[in-house]
Amino acid sequence: MESELALLWEVSMAEFIFVTVILGGGGGWMIGRSTALTWSGWGLLAFYLFLLTLAVRFIHFSLFGGSFFLPFSTFDTALHYGIVDYLVLFAIAAAGRSYVRNRQMARQYGFLHQDRG
């Protein structure tokens, strides 16, 4: 049975939501949080998300029969779904980073947001 949104998930929608959004998204949120707390740049966030994407692809492969980057016969399929996973994880990590950074800025520079009278 072929899924109608096969561009987003490889095996099933439930597997995509569980592995990529919940498990990987939790890790992505924590990566965004940690880069905000340490005042690190976006490049470090992107590198950490690349490593997390490899881990998420491996979980898809090992537990649910998805594709992985090796062997090379499945490389193009794994690359497609790896990019999809990376973009989803990047969006979640960016949201986590923005949330924590906004709280940092409001706490540290709260005098800029006080009412004047």
PDB file of N, CA and C in Angstrom:
ATOM      1  N   MET A   1       0.840  -1.175   0.000  1.00  0.00           N
ATOM      2  CA  MET A   1       0.000   0.000   0.000  1.00  0.00           C
ATOM      3  C   MET A   1       0.885   1.238   0.000  1.00  0.00           C
ATOM      4  N   GLU A   2       0.762   2.062  -0.984  1.00  0.00           N
ATOM      5  CA  GLU A   2       1.593   3.256  -1.147  1.00  0.00           C
ATOM      6  C   GLU A   2       0.928   4.434  -0.444  1.00  0.00           C
ATOM      7  N   SER A   3       1.694   5.170   0.308  1.00  0.00           N
ATOM      8  CA  SER A   3       1.178   6.320   1.040  1.00  0.00           C
ATOM      9  C   SER A   3       1.010   7.500   0.087  1.00  0.00           C
ATOM     10  N   GLU A   4      -0.020   8.321   0.338  1.00  0.00           N
ATOM     11  CA  GLU A   4      -0.252   9.456  -0.548  1.00  0.00           C
ATOM     12  C   GLU A   4       0.723  10.597  -0.307  1.00  0.00           C
ATOM     13  N   LEU A   5       1.314  10.694   0.883  1.00  0.00           N
ATOM     14  CA  LEU A   5       2.294  11.731   1.174  1.00  0.00           C
ATOM     15  C   LEU A   5       3.674  11.117   1.322  1.00  0.00           C
ATOM     16  N   ALA A   6       4.065  10.293   0.374  1.00  0.00           N
ATOM     17  CA  ALA A   6       5.333   9.589   0.452  1.00  0.00           C
ATOM     18  C   ALA A   6       6.536  10.528   0.342  1.00  0.00           C
ATOM     19  N   LEU A   7       6.319  11.776   0.047  1.00  0.00           N
ATOM     20  CA  LEU A   7       7.434  12.715   0.017  1.00  0.00           C
ATOM     21  C   LEU A   7       7.916  13.070   1.420  1.00  0.00           C
ATOM     22  N   LEU A   8       7.050  12.914   2.428  1.00  0.00           N
ATOM     23  CA  LEU A   8       7.417  13.277   3.786  1.00  0.00           C
ATOM     24  C   LEU A   8       7.880  12.090   4.623  1.00  0.00           C
ATOM     25  N   TRP A   9       7.220  10.951   4.500  1.00  0.00           N
ATOM     26  CA  TRP A   9       7.606   9.798   5.303  1.00  0.00           C
ATOM     27  C   TRP A   9       7.803   8.588   4.427  1.00  0.00           C
ATOM     28  N   GLU A  10       8.659   7.721   4.917  1.00  0.00           N
ATOM     29  CA  GLU A  10       9.075   6.566   4.129  1.00  0.00           C
ATOM     30  C   GLU A  10       8.233   5.332   4.404  1.00  0.00           C
ATOM     31  N   VAL A  11       7.974   5.041   5.670  1.00  0.00           N
ATOM     32  CA  VAL A  11       7.260   3.816   6.024  1.00  0.00           C
ATOM     33  C   VAL A  11       5.803   4.118   6.344  1.00  0.00           C
ATOM     34  N   SER A  12       5.549   4.917   7.362  1.00  0.00           N
ATOM     35  CA  SER A  12       4.184   5.300   7.711  1.00  0.00           C
ATOM     36  C   SER A  12       4.206   6.652   8.417  1.00  0.00           C
ATOM     37  N   MET A  13       3.041   7.268   8.468  1.00  0.00           N
ATOM     38  CA  MET A  13       2.949   8.562   9.114  1.00  0.00           C
ATOM     39  C   MET A  13       3.179   8.436  10.624  1.00  0.00           C
ATOM     40  N   ALA A  14       2.662   7.398  11.236  1.00  0.00           N
ATOM     41  CA  ALA A  14       2.838   7.200  12.680  1.00  0.00           C
ATOM     42  C   ALA A  14       4.316   7.024  13.026  1.00  0.00           C
ATOM     43  N   GLU A  15       5.032   6.269  12.208  1.00  0.00           N
ATOM     44  CA  GLU A  15       6.477   6.069  12.427  1.00  0.00           C
ATOM     45  C   GLU A  15       7.231   7.379  12.263  1.00  0.00           C
ATOM     46  N   PHE A  16       6.866   8.181  11.280  1.00  0.00           N
ATOM     47  CA  PHE A  16       7.504   9.475  11.067  1.00  0.00           C
ATOM     48  C   PHE A  16       7.266  10.405  12.250  1.00  0.00           C
ATOM     49  N   ILE A  17       6.035  10.452  12.719  1.00  0.00           N
ATOM     50  CA  ILE A  17       5.709  11.331  13.846  1.00  0.00           C
ATOM     51  C   ILE A  17       6.432  10.867  15.103  1.00  0.00           C
ATOM     52  N   PHE A  18       6.446   9.550  15.354  1.00  0.00           N
ATOM     53  CA  PHE A  18       7.096   9.053  16.565  1.00  0.00           C
ATOM     54  C   PHE A  18       8.605   9.272  16.543  1.00  0.00           C
ATOM     55  N   VAL A  19       9.261   8.855  15.469  1.00  0.00           N
ATOM     56  CA  VAL A  19      10.730   8.908  15.436  1.00  0.00           C
ATOM     57  C   VAL A  19      11.232  10.314  15.146  1.00  0.00           C
ATOM     58  N   THR A  20      10.756  10.928  14.084  1.00  0.00           N
ATOM     59  CA  THR A  20      11.309  12.221  13.674  1.00  0.00           C
ATOM     60  C   THR A  20      10.792  13.367  14.532  1.00  0.00           C
ATOM     61  N   VAL A  21       9.481  13.439  14.707  1.00  0.00           N
ATOM     62  CA  VAL A  21       8.910  14.598  15.385  1.00  0.00           C
ATOM     63  C   VAL A  21       9.059  14.494  16.904  1.00  0.00           C
ATOM     64  N   ILE A  22       8.713  13.330  17.482  1.00  0.00           N
ATOM     65  CA  ILE A  22       8.743  13.227  18.944  1.00  0.00           C
ATOM     66  C   ILE A  22      10.155  12.957  19.455  1.00  0.00           C
ATOM     67  N   LEU A  23      10.780  11.874  19.010  1.00  0.00           N
ATOM     68  CA  LEU A  23      12.122  11.548  19.506  1.00  0.00           C
ATOM     69  C   LEU A  23      13.167  12.536  18.990  1.00  0.00           C
ATOM     70  N   GLY A  24      13.249  12.685  17.675  1.00  0.00           N
ATOM     71  CA  GLY A  24      14.227  13.605  17.099  1.00  0.00           C
ATOM     72  C   GLY A  24      13.915  15.050  17.419  1.00  0.00           C
ATOM     73  N   GLY A  25      12.633  15.408  17.444  1.00  0.00           N
ATOM     74  CA  GLY A  25      12.239  16.770  17.771  1.00  0.00           C
ATOM     75  C   GLY A  25      12.603  17.152  19.194  1.00  0.00           C
ATOM     76  N   GLY A  26      12.472  16.200  20.111  1.00  0.00           N
ATOM     77  CA  GLY A  26      12.907  16.456  21.488  1.00  0.00           C
ATOM     78  C   GLY A  26      14.396  16.731  21.552  1.00  0.00           C
ATOM     79  N   GLY A  27      15.166  15.941  20.824  1.00  0.00           N
ATOM     80  CA  GLY A  27      16.604  16.188  20.750  1.00  0.00           C
ATOM     81  C   GLY A  27      16.916  17.495  20.060  1.00  0.00           C
ATOM     82  N   GLY A  28      16.172  17.807  19.010  1.00  0.00           N
ATOM     83  CA  GLY A  28      16.374  19.072  18.298  1.00  0.00           C
ATOM     84  C   GLY A  28      16.056  20.271  19.170  1.00  0.00           C
ATOM     85  N   TRP A  29      14.979  20.172  19.962  1.00  0.00           N
ATOM     86  CA  TRP A  29      14.629  21.267  20.882  1.00  0.00           C
ATOM     87  C   TRP A  29      15.760  21.478  21.883  1.00  0.00           C
ATOM     88  N   MET A  30      16.320  20.374  22.392  1.00  0.00           N
ATOM     89  CA  MET A  30      17.404  20.492  23.360  1.00  0.00           C
ATOM     90  C   MET A  30      18.681  21.042  22.722  1.00  0.00           C
ATOM     91  N   ILE A  31      18.920  20.719  21.465  1.00  0.00           N
ATOM     92  CA  ILE A  31      20.065  21.298  20.755  1.00  0.00           C
ATOM     93  C   ILE A  31      19.871  22.800  20.593  1.00  0.00           C
ATOM     94  N   GLY A  32      18.681  23.212  20.196  1.00  0.00           N
ATOM     95  CA  GLY A  32      18.395  24.640  20.077  1.00  0.00           C
ATOM     96  C   GLY A  32      18.518  25.353  21.412  1.00  0.00           C
ATOM     97  N   ARG A  33      18.039  24.709  22.461  1.00  0.00           N
ATOM     98  CA  ARG A  33      18.133  25.274  23.805  1.00  0.00           C
ATOM     99  C   ARG A  33      19.591  25.420  24.232  1.00  0.00           C
ATOM    100  N   SER A  34      20.390  24.381  23.987  1.00  0.00           N
ATOM    101  CA  SER A  34      21.781  24.426  24.442  1.00  0.00           C
ATOM    102  C   SER A  34      22.602  25.460  23.667  1.00  0.00           C
ATOM    103  N   THR A  35      22.344  25.601  22.373  1.00  0.00           N
ATOM    104  CA  THR A  35      23.088  26.612  21.614  1.00  0.00           C
ATOM    105  C   THR A  35      22.668  28.017  22.013  1.00  0.00           C
ATOM    106  N   ALA A  36      21.422  28.187  22.449  1.00  0.00           N
ATOM    107  CA  ALA A  36      21.000  29.507  22.928  1.00  0.00           C
ATOM    108  C   ALA A  36      21.610  29.805  24.289  1.00  0.00           C
ATOM    109  N   LEU A  37      21.622  28.820  25.178  1.00  0.00           N
ATOM    110  CA  LEU A  37      22.161  29.050  26.525  1.00  0.00           C
ATOM    111  C   LEU A  37      23.655  29.327  26.516  1.00  0.00           C
ATOM    112  N   THR A  38      24.378  28.732  25.578  1.00  0.00           N
ATOM    113  CA  THR A  38      25.826  28.954  25.501  1.00  0.00           C
ATOM    114  C   THR A  38      26.186  30.061  24.520  1.00  0.00           C
ATOM    115  N   TRP A  39      25.194  30.723  23.954  1.00  0.00           N
ATOM    116  CA  TRP A  39      25.382  31.806  22.997  1.00  0.00           C
ATOM    117  C   TRP A  39      26.226  31.347  21.802  1.00  0.00           C
ATOM    118  N   SER A  40      26.015  30.108  21.374  1.00  0.00           N
ATOM    119  CA  SER A  40      26.712  29.566  20.207  1.00  0.00           C
ATOM    120  C   SER A  40      26.009  30.011  18.928  1.00  0.00           C
ATOM    121  N   GLY A  41      26.702  29.864  17.816  1.00  0.00           N
ATOM    122  CA  GLY A  41      26.155  30.298  16.538  1.00  0.00           C
ATOM    123  C   GLY A  41      25.271  29.260  15.876  1.00  0.00           C
ATOM    124  N   TRP A  42      24.697  29.678  14.760  1.00  0.00           N
ATOM    125  CA  TRP A  42      23.819  28.792  14.000  1.00  0.00           C
ATOM    126  C   TRP A  42      24.598  27.654  13.341  1.00  0.00           C
ATOM    127  N   GLY A  43      25.871  27.871  13.051  1.00  0.00           N
ATOM    128  CA  GLY A  43      26.677  26.826  12.428  1.00  0.00           C
ATOM    129  C   GLY A  43      26.837  25.612  13.322  1.00  0.00           C
ATOM    130  N   LEU A  44      27.042  25.837  14.601  1.00  0.00           N
ATOM    131  CA  LEU A  44      27.150  24.732  15.544  1.00  0.00           C
ATOM    132  C   LEU A  44      25.822  24.000  15.661  1.00  0.00           C
ATOM    133  N   LEU A  45      24.723  24.743  15.670  1.00  0.00           N
ATOM    134  CA  LEU A  45      23.398  24.120  15.689  1.00  0.00           C
ATOM    135  C   LEU A  45      23.205  23.245  14.461  1.00  0.00           C
ATOM    136  N   ALA A  46      23.593  23.733  13.296  1.00  0.00           N
ATOM    137  CA  ALA A  46      23.441  22.969  12.054  1.00  0.00           C
ATOM    138  C   ALA A  46      24.278  21.690  12.084  1.00  0.00           C
ATOM    139  N   PHE A  47      25.495  21.768  12.623  1.00  0.00           N
ATOM    140  CA  PHE A  47      26.341  20.589  12.717  1.00  0.00           C
ATOM    141  C   PHE A  47      25.756  19.550  13.670  1.00  0.00           C
ATOM    142  N   TYR A  48      25.293  19.996  14.838  1.00  0.00           N
ATOM    143  CA  TYR A  48      24.674  19.069  15.790  1.00  0.00           C
ATOM    144  C   TYR A  48      23.420  18.437  15.210  1.00  0.00           C
ATOM    145  N   LEU A  49      22.655  19.202  14.442  1.00  0.00           N
ATOM    146  CA  LEU A  49      21.464  18.648  13.810  1.00  0.00           C
ATOM    147  C   LEU A  49      21.816  17.644  12.723  1.00  0.00           C
ATOM    148  N   PHE A  50      22.922  17.840  12.059  1.00  0.00           N
ATOM    149  CA  PHE A  50      23.379  16.852  11.079  1.00  0.00           C
ATOM    150  C   PHE A  50      23.643  15.512  11.769  1.00  0.00           C
ATOM    151  N   LEU A  51      24.313  15.558  12.910  1.00  0.00           N
ATOM    152  CA  LEU A  51      24.574  14.324  13.659  1.00  0.00           C
ATOM    153  C   LEU A  51      23.273  13.695  14.165  1.00  0.00           C
ATOM    154  N   LEU A  52      22.356  14.528  14.625  1.00  0.00           N
ATOM    155  CA  LEU A  52      21.061  14.014  15.078  1.00  0.00           C
ATOM    156  C   LEU A  52      20.273  13.407  13.927  1.00  0.00           C
ATOM    157  N   THR A  53      20.373  13.998  12.749  1.00  0.00           N
ATOM    158  CA  THR A  53      19.684  13.451  11.580  1.00  0.00           C
ATOM    159  C   THR A  53      20.219  12.071  11.226  1.00  0.00           C
ATOM    160  N   LEU A  54      21.530  11.874  11.329  1.00  0.00           N
ATOM    161  CA  LEU A  54      22.092  10.538  11.097  1.00  0.00           C
ATOM    162  C   LEU A  54      21.534   9.532  12.098  1.00  0.00           C
ATOM    163  N   ALA A  55      21.403   9.935  13.347  1.00  0.00           N
ATOM    164  CA  ALA A  55      20.852   9.041  14.364  1.00  0.00           C
ATOM    165  C   ALA A  55      19.378   8.729  14.086  1.00  0.00           C
ATOM    166  N   VAL A  56      18.623   9.729  13.686  1.00  0.00           N
ATOM    167  CA  VAL A  56      17.208   9.514  13.372  1.00  0.00           C
ATOM    168  C   VAL A  56      17.057   8.595  12.170  1.00  0.00           C
ATOM    169  N   ARG A  57      17.886   8.802  11.138  1.00  0.00           N
ATOM    170  CA  ARG A  57      17.832   7.912   9.971  1.00  0.00           C
ATOM    171  C   ARG A  57      18.179   6.480  10.374  1.00  0.00           C
ATOM    172  N   PHE A  58      19.132   6.314  11.277  1.00  0.00           N
ATOM    173  CA  PHE A  58      19.492   4.972  11.716  1.00  0.00           C
ATOM    174  C   PHE A  58      18.341   4.319  12.471  1.00  0.00           C
ATOM    175  N   ILE A  59      17.613   5.079  13.279  1.00  0.00           N
ATOM    176  CA  ILE A  59      16.440   4.516  13.965  1.00  0.00           C
ATOM    177  C   ILE A  59      15.374   4.117  12.960  1.00  0.00           C
ATOM    178  N   HIS A  60      15.136   4.951  11.959  1.00  0.00           N
ATOM    179  CA  HIS A  60      14.188   4.584  10.902  1.00  0.00           C
ATOM    180  C   HIS A  60      14.616   3.271  10.239  1.00  0.00           C
ATOM    181  N   PHE A  61      15.896   3.152   9.976  1.00  0.00           N
ATOM    182  CA  PHE A  61      16.437   1.975   9.300  1.00  0.00           C
ATOM    183  C   PHE A  61      16.372   0.735  10.188  1.00  0.00           C
ATOM    184  N   SER A  62      16.841   0.847  11.413  1.00  0.00           N
ATOM    185  CA  SER A  62      16.994  -0.343  12.247  1.00  0.00           C
ATOM    186  C   SER A  62      15.685  -0.841  12.832  1.00  0.00           C
ATOM    187  N   LEU A  63      14.771   0.049  13.170  1.00  0.00           N
ATOM    188  CA  LEU A  63      13.534  -0.391  13.817  1.00  0.00           C
ATOM    189  C   LEU A  63      12.349  -0.532  12.872  1.00  0.00           C
ATOM    190  N   PHE A  64      12.325   0.242  11.813  1.00  0.00           N
ATOM    191  CA  PHE A  64      11.131   0.271  10.971  1.00  0.00           C
ATOM    192  C   PHE A  64      11.379  -0.105   9.519  1.00  0.00           C
ATOM    193  N   GLY A  65      12.579  -0.530   9.175  1.00  0.00           N
ATOM    194  CA  GLY A  65      12.858  -0.986   7.825  1.00  0.00           C
ATOM    195  C   GLY A  65      12.997   0.125   6.809  1.00  0.00           C
ATOM    196  N   GLY A  66      13.347   1.315   7.233  1.00  0.00           N
ATOM    197  CA  GLY A  66      13.569   2.413   6.307  1.00  0.00           C
ATOM    198  C   GLY A  66      14.931   2.296   5.650  1.00  0.00           C
ATOM    199  N   SER A  67      15.278   3.280   4.867  1.00  0.00           N
ATOM    200  CA  SER A  67      16.568   3.261   4.168  1.00  0.00           C
ATOM    201  C   SER A  67      17.624   3.970   5.005  1.00  0.00           C
ATOM    202  N   PHE A  68      18.885   3.615   4.740  1.00  0.00           N
ATOM    203  CA  PHE A  68      20.013   4.272   5.381  1.00  0.00           C
ATOM    204  C   PHE A  68      21.024   4.592   4.299  1.00  0.00           C
ATOM    205  N   PHE A  69      22.037   5.353   4.633  1.00  0.00           N
ATOM    206  CA  PHE A  69      22.996   5.827   3.639  1.00  0.00           C
ATOM    207  C   PHE A  69      23.904   4.726   3.109  1.00  0.00           C
ATOM    208  N   LEU A  70      24.037   3.639   3.811  1.00  0.00           N
ATOM    209  CA  LEU A  70      24.772   2.476   3.334  1.00  0.00           C
ATOM    210  C   LEU A  70      23.823   1.293   3.336  1.00  0.00           C
ATOM    211  N   PRO A  71      23.785   0.458   2.353  1.00  0.00           N
ATOM    212  CA  PRO A  71      24.580   0.369   1.138  1.00  0.00           C
ATOM    213  C   PRO A  71      24.210   1.469   0.144  1.00  0.00           C
ATOM    214  N   PHE A  72      25.064   1.653  -0.831  1.00  0.00           N
ATOM    215  CA  PHE A  72      24.886   2.747  -1.772  1.00  0.00           C
ATOM    216  C   PHE A  72      23.659   2.597  -2.661  1.00  0.00           C
ATOM    217  N   SER A  73      23.070   1.408  -2.703  1.00  0.00           N
ATOM    218  CA  SER A  73      21.865   1.225  -3.523  1.00  0.00           C
ATOM    219  C   SER A  73      20.674   1.990  -2.950  1.00  0.00           C
ATOM    220  N   THR A  74      20.672   2.278  -1.664  1.00  0.00           N
ATOM    221  CA  THR A  74      19.575   3.034  -1.055  1.00  0.00           C
ATOM    222  C   THR A  74      19.975   4.458  -0.699  1.00  0.00           C
ATOM    223  N   PHE A  75      21.115   4.901  -1.182  1.00  0.00           N
ATOM    224  CA  PHE A  75      21.629   6.221  -0.800  1.00  0.00           C
ATOM    225  C   PHE A  75      20.702   7.351  -1.236  1.00  0.00           C
ATOM    226  N   ASP A  76      20.182   7.313  -2.464  1.00  0.00           N
ATOM    227  CA  ASP A  76      19.343   8.410  -2.946  1.00  0.00           C
ATOM    228  C   ASP A  76      18.043   8.517  -2.168  1.00  0.00           C
ATOM    229  N   THR A  77      17.440   7.385  -1.827  1.00  0.00           N
ATOM    230  CA  THR A  77      16.224   7.397  -1.017  1.00  0.00           C
ATOM    231  C   THR A  77      16.519   7.909   0.382  1.00  0.00           C
ATOM    232  N   ALA A  78      17.608   7.421   0.972  1.00  0.00           N
ATOM    233  CA  ALA A  78      17.985   7.870   2.317  1.00  0.00           C
ATOM    234  C   ALA A  78      18.341   9.354   2.323  1.00  0.00           C
ATOM    235  N   LEU A  79      18.959   9.847   1.273  1.00  0.00           N
ATOM    236  CA  LEU A  79      19.299  11.259   1.193  1.00  0.00           C
ATOM    237  C   LEU A  79      18.037  12.120   1.151  1.00  0.00           C
ATOM    238  N   HIS A  80      17.045  11.691   0.378  1.00  0.00           N
ATOM    239  CA  HIS A  80      15.782  12.433   0.303  1.00  0.00           C
ATOM    240  C   HIS A  80      15.130  12.520   1.679  1.00  0.00           C
ATOM    241  N   TYR A  81      14.952  11.377   2.335  1.00  0.00           N
ATOM    242  CA  TYR A  81      14.292  11.380   3.638  1.00  0.00           C
ATOM    243  C   TYR A  81      15.192  11.963   4.721  1.00  0.00           C
ATOM    244  N   GLY A  82      16.489  11.909   4.533  1.00  0.00           N
ATOM    245  CA  GLY A  82      17.402  12.580   5.455  1.00  0.00           C
ATOM    246  C   GLY A  82      17.249  14.087   5.393  1.00  0.00           C
ATOM    247  N   ILE A  83      17.077  14.620   4.196  1.00  0.00           N
ATOM    248  CA  ILE A  83      16.860  16.062   4.042  1.00  0.00           C
ATOM    249  C   ILE A  83      15.528  16.468   4.666  1.00  0.00           C
ATOM    250  N   VAL A  84      14.498  15.650   4.459  1.00  0.00           N
ATOM    251  CA  VAL A  84      13.200  15.929   5.082  1.00  0.00           C
ATOM    252  C   VAL A  84      13.336  15.920   6.607  1.00  0.00           C
ATOM    253  N   ASP A  85      13.998  14.894   7.147  1.00  0.00           N
ATOM    254  CA  ASP A  85      14.210  14.823   8.594  1.00  0.00           C
ATOM    255  C   ASP A  85      15.004  16.022   9.091  1.00  0.00           C
ATOM    256  N   TYR A  86      16.044  16.400   8.361  1.00  0.00           N
ATOM    257  CA  TYR A  86      16.875  17.531   8.759  1.00  0.00           C
ATOM    258  C   TYR A  86      16.061  18.820   8.807  1.00  0.00           C
ATOM    259  N   LEU A  87      15.221  19.045   7.816  1.00  0.00           N
ATOM    260  CA  LEU A  87      14.423  20.272   7.784  1.00  0.00           C
ATOM    261  C   LEU A  87      13.417  20.317   8.933  1.00  0.00           C
ATOM    262  N   VAL A  88      12.795  19.174   9.233  1.00  0.00           N
ATOM    263  CA  VAL A  88      11.856  19.123  10.356  1.00  0.00           C
ATOM    264  C   VAL A  88      12.592  19.379  11.662  1.00  0.00           C
ATOM    265  N   LEU A  89      13.736  18.716  11.840  1.00  0.00           N
ATOM    266  CA  LEU A  89      14.514  18.904  13.062  1.00  0.00           C
ATOM    267  C   LEU A  89      15.055  20.331  13.171  1.00  0.00           C
ATOM    268  N   PHE A  90      15.444  20.921  12.049  1.00  0.00           N
ATOM    269  CA  PHE A  90      15.941  22.296  12.072  1.00  0.00           C
ATOM    270  C   PHE A  90      14.844  23.264  12.490  1.00  0.00           C
ATOM    271  N   ALA A  91      13.628  23.038  12.010  1.00  0.00           N
ATOM    272  CA  ALA A  91      12.516  23.919  12.393  1.00  0.00           C
ATOM    273  C   ALA A  91      12.242  23.824  13.893  1.00  0.00           C
ATOM    274  N   ILE A  92      12.263  22.615  14.436  1.00  0.00           N
ATOM    275  CA  ILE A  92      12.021  22.439  15.863  1.00  0.00           C
ATOM    276  C   ILE A  92      13.165  23.044  16.673  1.00  0.00           C
ATOM    277  N   ALA A  93      14.403  22.823  16.246  1.00  0.00           N
ATOM    278  CA  ALA A  93      15.557  23.378  16.962  1.00  0.00           C
ATOM    279  C   ALA A  93      15.559  24.896  16.899  1.00  0.00           C
ATOM    280  N   ALA A  94      15.193  25.461  15.769  1.00  0.00           N
ATOM    281  CA  ALA A  94      15.137  26.917  15.649  1.00  0.00           C
ATOM    282  C   ALA A  94      14.059  27.493  16.558  1.00  0.00           C
ATOM    283  N   ALA A  95      12.930  26.794  16.683  1.00  0.00           N
ATOM    284  CA  ALA A  95      11.882  27.246  17.601  1.00  0.00           C
ATOM    285  C   ALA A  95      12.370  27.193  19.040  1.00  0.00           C
ATOM    286  N   GLY A  96      13.068  26.128  19.404  1.00  0.00           N
ATOM    287  CA  GLY A  96      13.618  26.021  20.755  1.00  0.00           C
ATOM    288  C   GLY A  96      14.658  27.083  21.030  1.00  0.00           C
ATOM    289  N   ARG A  97      15.492  27.335  20.059  1.00  0.00           N
ATOM    290  CA  ARG A  97      16.532  28.369  20.211  1.00  0.00           C
ATOM    291  C   ARG A  97      15.898  29.750  20.356  1.00  0.00           C
ATOM    292  N   SER A  98      14.916  30.051  19.543  1.00  0.00           N
ATOM    293  CA  SER A  98      14.256  31.354  19.614  1.00  0.00           C
ATOM    294  C   SER A  98      13.509  31.534  20.932  1.00  0.00           C
ATOM    295  N   TYR A  99      12.865  30.490  21.397  1.00  0.00           N
ATOM    296  CA  TYR A  99      12.135  30.561  22.663  1.00  0.00           C
ATOM    297  C   TYR A  99      13.091  30.864  23.815  1.00  0.00           C
ATOM    298  N   VAL A 100      14.185  30.121  23.896  1.00  0.00           N
ATOM    299  CA  VAL A 100      15.139  30.323  24.987  1.00  0.00           C
ATOM    300  C   VAL A 100      15.850  31.661  24.847  1.00  0.00           C
ATOM    301  N   ARG A 101      16.224  32.033  23.638  1.00  0.00           N
ATOM    302  CA  ARG A 101      16.915  33.306  23.436  1.00  0.00           C
ATOM    303  C   ARG A 101      16.016  34.483  23.800  1.00  0.00           C
ATOM    304  N   ASN A 102      14.732  34.408  23.458  1.00  0.00           N
ATOM    305  CA  ASN A 102      13.811  35.490  23.819  1.00  0.00           C
ATOM    306  C   ASN A 102      13.673  35.615  25.325  1.00  0.00           C
ATOM    307  N   ARG A 103      13.616  34.502  26.021  1.00  0.00           N
ATOM    308  CA  ARG A 103      13.551  34.544  27.491  1.00  0.00           C
ATOM    309  C   ARG A 103      14.841  35.112  28.074  1.00  0.00           C
ATOM    310  N   GLN A 104      15.985  34.745  27.486  1.00  0.00           N
ATOM    311  CA  GLN A 104      17.262  35.296  27.951  1.00  0.00           C
ATOM    312  C   GLN A 104      17.290  36.813  27.782  1.00  0.00           C
ATOM    313  N   MET A 105      16.898  37.269  26.632  1.00  0.00           N
ATOM    314  CA  MET A 105      16.958  38.699  26.339  1.00  0.00           C
ATOM    315  C   MET A 105      15.977  39.475  27.219  1.00  0.00           C
ATOM    316  N   ALA A 106      14.787  38.927  27.449  1.00  0.00           N
ATOM    317  CA  ALA A 106      13.816  39.606  28.302  1.00  0.00           C
ATOM    318  C   ALA A 106      14.307  39.672  29.745  1.00  0.00           C
ATOM    319  N   ARG A 107      14.969  38.614  30.203  1.00  0.00           N
ATOM    320  CA  ARG A 107      15.491  38.606  31.566  1.00  0.00           C
ATOM    321  C   ARG A 107      16.702  39.529  31.696  1.00  0.00           C
ATOM    322  N   GLN A 108      17.588  39.459  30.732  1.00  0.00           N
ATOM    323  CA  GLN A 108      18.833  40.217  30.840  1.00  0.00           C
ATOM    324  C   GLN A 108      18.643  41.702  30.535  1.00  0.00           C
ATOM    325  N   TYR A 109      17.772  42.007  29.603  1.00  0.00           N
ATOM    326  CA  TYR A 109      17.549  43.402  29.201  1.00  0.00           C
ATOM    327  C   TYR A 109      16.091  43.795  29.438  1.00  0.00           C
ATOM    328  N   GLY A 110      15.574  43.419  30.580  1.00  0.00           N
ATOM    329  CA  GLY A 110      14.181  43.693  30.896  1.00  0.00           C
ATOM    330  C   GLY A 110      13.842  45.158  31.000  1.00  0.00           C
ATOM    331  N   PHE A 111      14.831  45.982  31.297  1.00  0.00           N
ATOM    332  CA  PHE A 111      14.580  47.422  31.423  1.00  0.00           C
ATOM    333  C   PHE A 111      14.180  48.046  30.085  1.00  0.00           C
ATOM    334  N   LEU A 112      14.461  47.383  28.995  1.00  0.00           N
ATOM    335  CA  LEU A 112      14.058  47.924  27.691  1.00  0.00           C
ATOM    336  C   LEU A 112      12.572  47.748  27.421  1.00  0.00           C
ATOM    337  N   HIS A 113      11.935  46.830  28.143  1.00  0.00           N
ATOM    338  CA  HIS A 113      10.524  46.516  27.869  1.00  0.00           C
ATOM    339  C   HIS A 113       9.601  47.005  28.976  1.00  0.00           C
ATOM    340  N   GLN A 114      10.077  47.856  29.872  1.00  0.00           N
ATOM    341  CA  GLN A 114       9.221  48.379  30.949  1.00  0.00           C
ATOM    342  C   GLN A 114       8.380  49.528  30.442  1.00  0.00           C
ATOM    343  N   ASP A 115       7.176  49.652  31.027  1.00  0.00           N
ATOM    344  CA  ASP A 115       6.310  50.770  30.679  1.00  0.00           C
ATOM    345  C   ASP A 115       6.877  52.070  31.243  1.00  0.00           C
ATOM    346  N   ARG A 116       6.679  53.143  30.537  1.00  0.00           N
ATOM    347  CA  ARG A 116       7.290  54.417  30.923  1.00  0.00           C
ATOM    348  C   ARG A 116       6.279  55.390  31.547  1.00  0.00           C
ATOM    349  N   GLY A 117       5.197  54.914  32.083  1.00  0.00           N
ATOM    350  CA  GLY A 117       4.402  55.900  32.761  1.00  0.00           C
ATOM    351  C   GLY A 117       2.994  55.603  32.798  1.00  0.00           C
TER     352      GLY A 117
END
